[in-house]
């Protein structure tokens, strides 16, 4: 599909805490959240949905926080 893209980046605990605080503030204030991931600037609108996903395979567990929205 044209326009598909996936970017991942790991951050230090301190960086994650700061980003989650900014995200929580943006959600609470119903404002756009702006984040840069691996050099790409992303704007998450206040109407985005938030999902928590849990996965377990053998001895590995994973929790993902996923934000989804449609471009307008």
C-alpha atoms as a PDB file:
ATOM      1  CA  UNK A   1       0.000   0.000   0.000  1.00  0.00           C
ATOM      2  CA  UNK A   2       1.267   3.436  -0.834  1.00  0.00           C
ATOM      3  CA  UNK A   3       1.899   5.710   2.110  1.00  0.00           C
ATOM      4  CA  UNK A   4       2.312   2.907   4.672  1.00  0.00           C
ATOM      5  CA  UNK A   5       5.021   3.507   7.229  1.00  0.00           C
ATOM      6  CA  UNK A   6       6.123   2.073  10.547  1.00  0.00           C
ATOM      7  CA  UNK A   7       8.678   3.655  12.877  1.00  0.00           C
ATOM      8  CA  UNK A   8       9.826   2.462  16.288  1.00  0.00           C
ATOM      9  CA  UNK A   9      12.296   3.929  18.745  1.00  0.00           C
ATOM     10  CA  UNK A  10      13.269   3.071  22.307  1.00  0.00           C
ATOM     11  CA  UNK A  11      13.697   5.831  24.879  1.00  0.00           C
ATOM     12  CA  UNK A  12      15.248   6.096  28.320  1.00  0.00           C
ATOM     13  CA  UNK A  13      12.919   5.912  31.319  1.00  0.00           C
ATOM     14  CA  UNK A  14      13.330   9.661  31.897  1.00  0.00           C
ATOM     15  CA  UNK A  15      12.349  10.427  28.279  1.00  0.00           C
ATOM     16  CA  UNK A  16       9.334   8.074  28.445  1.00  0.00           C
ATOM     17  CA  UNK A  17       8.103   9.718  31.640  1.00  0.00           C
ATOM     18  CA  UNK A  18       8.311  13.176  30.044  1.00  0.00           C
ATOM     19  CA  UNK A  19       6.512  12.037  26.885  1.00  0.00           C
ATOM     20  CA  UNK A  20       3.744  10.270  28.822  1.00  0.00           C
ATOM     21  CA  UNK A  21       3.222  13.384  30.966  1.00  0.00           C
ATOM     22  CA  UNK A  22       2.904  15.553  27.873  1.00  0.00           C
ATOM     23  CA  UNK A  23       0.540  13.009  26.302  1.00  0.00           C
ATOM     24  CA  UNK A  24      -1.630  12.892  29.431  1.00  0.00           C
ATOM     25  CA  UNK A  25      -1.779  16.697  29.542  1.00  0.00           C
ATOM     26  CA  UNK A  26      -2.744  16.894  25.854  1.00  0.00           C
ATOM     27  CA  UNK A  27      -5.473  14.250  26.276  1.00  0.00           C
ATOM     28  CA  UNK A  28      -6.858  15.954  29.359  1.00  0.00           C
ATOM     29  CA  UNK A  29      -6.886  19.374  27.659  1.00  0.00           C
ATOM     30  CA  UNK A  30      -8.224  17.906  24.377  1.00  0.00           C
ATOM     31  CA  UNK A  31      -5.273  19.328  22.459  1.00  0.00           C
ATOM     32  CA  UNK A  32      -3.110  17.925  19.678  1.00  0.00           C
ATOM     33  CA  UNK A  33      -0.113  15.985  20.966  1.00  0.00           C
ATOM     34  CA  UNK A  34       3.126  16.510  19.065  1.00  0.00           C
ATOM     35  CA  UNK A  35       5.950  13.973  19.247  1.00  0.00           C
ATOM     36  CA  UNK A  36       9.081  13.240  17.259  1.00  0.00           C
ATOM     37  CA  UNK A  37       9.902   9.568  16.736  1.00  0.00           C
ATOM     38  CA  UNK A  38      13.170   8.611  15.038  1.00  0.00           C
ATOM     39  CA  UNK A  39      13.354  12.049  13.399  1.00  0.00           C
ATOM     40  CA  UNK A  40       9.743  12.121  12.192  1.00  0.00           C
ATOM     41  CA  UNK A  41       7.362  14.711  13.656  1.00  0.00           C
ATOM     42  CA  UNK A  42       3.889  13.311  14.358  1.00  0.00           C
ATOM     43  CA  UNK A  43       0.758  15.223  15.348  1.00  0.00           C
ATOM     44  CA  UNK A  44      -1.817  13.192  17.250  1.00  0.00           C
ATOM     45  CA  UNK A  45      -5.231  14.874  17.223  1.00  0.00           C
ATOM     46  CA  UNK A  46      -7.408  15.146  20.333  1.00  0.00           C
ATOM     47  CA  UNK A  47     -10.009  12.815  18.772  1.00  0.00           C
ATOM     48  CA  UNK A  48      -7.540   9.890  18.618  1.00  0.00           C
ATOM     49  CA  UNK A  49      -8.592   6.727  20.447  1.00  0.00           C
ATOM     50  CA  UNK A  50      -6.275   5.111  22.974  1.00  0.00           C
ATOM     51  CA  UNK A  51      -5.997   1.338  23.317  1.00  0.00           C
ATOM     52  CA  UNK A  52      -3.993  -0.764  25.746  1.00  0.00           C
ATOM     53  CA  UNK A  53      -2.873  -4.111  24.353  1.00  0.00           C
ATOM     54  CA  UNK A  54      -1.403  -7.001  26.331  1.00  0.00           C
ATOM     55  CA  UNK A  55       0.364  -9.983  24.800  1.00  0.00           C
ATOM     56  CA  UNK A  56       2.080 -13.005  26.354  1.00  0.00           C
ATOM     57  CA  UNK A  57       4.090 -15.599  24.460  1.00  0.00           C
ATOM     58  CA  UNK A  58       5.934 -18.209  26.496  1.00  0.00           C
ATOM     59  CA  UNK A  59       8.019 -16.241  29.012  1.00  0.00           C
ATOM     60  CA  UNK A  60       7.778 -12.842  27.254  1.00  0.00           C
ATOM     61  CA  UNK A  61       5.059 -10.324  28.116  1.00  0.00           C
ATOM     62  CA  UNK A  62       4.302  -7.068  26.321  1.00  0.00           C
ATOM     63  CA  UNK A  63       2.015  -4.084  26.895  1.00  0.00           C
ATOM     64  CA  UNK A  64       1.487  -1.550  24.126  1.00  0.00           C
ATOM     65  CA  UNK A  65      -0.245   1.801  24.323  1.00  0.00           C
ATOM     66  CA  UNK A  66      -1.692   2.475  20.898  1.00  0.00           C
ATOM     67  CA  UNK A  67      -3.182   5.736  19.634  1.00  0.00           C
ATOM     68  CA  UNK A  68      -5.269   5.576  16.459  1.00  0.00           C
ATOM     69  CA  UNK A  69      -6.976   8.188  14.322  1.00  0.00           C
ATOM     70  CA  UNK A  70      -8.053   8.779  10.740  1.00  0.00           C
ATOM     71  CA  UNK A  71      -6.551  11.609   8.759  1.00  0.00           C
ATOM     72  CA  UNK A  72      -8.997  14.343   8.000  1.00  0.00           C
END
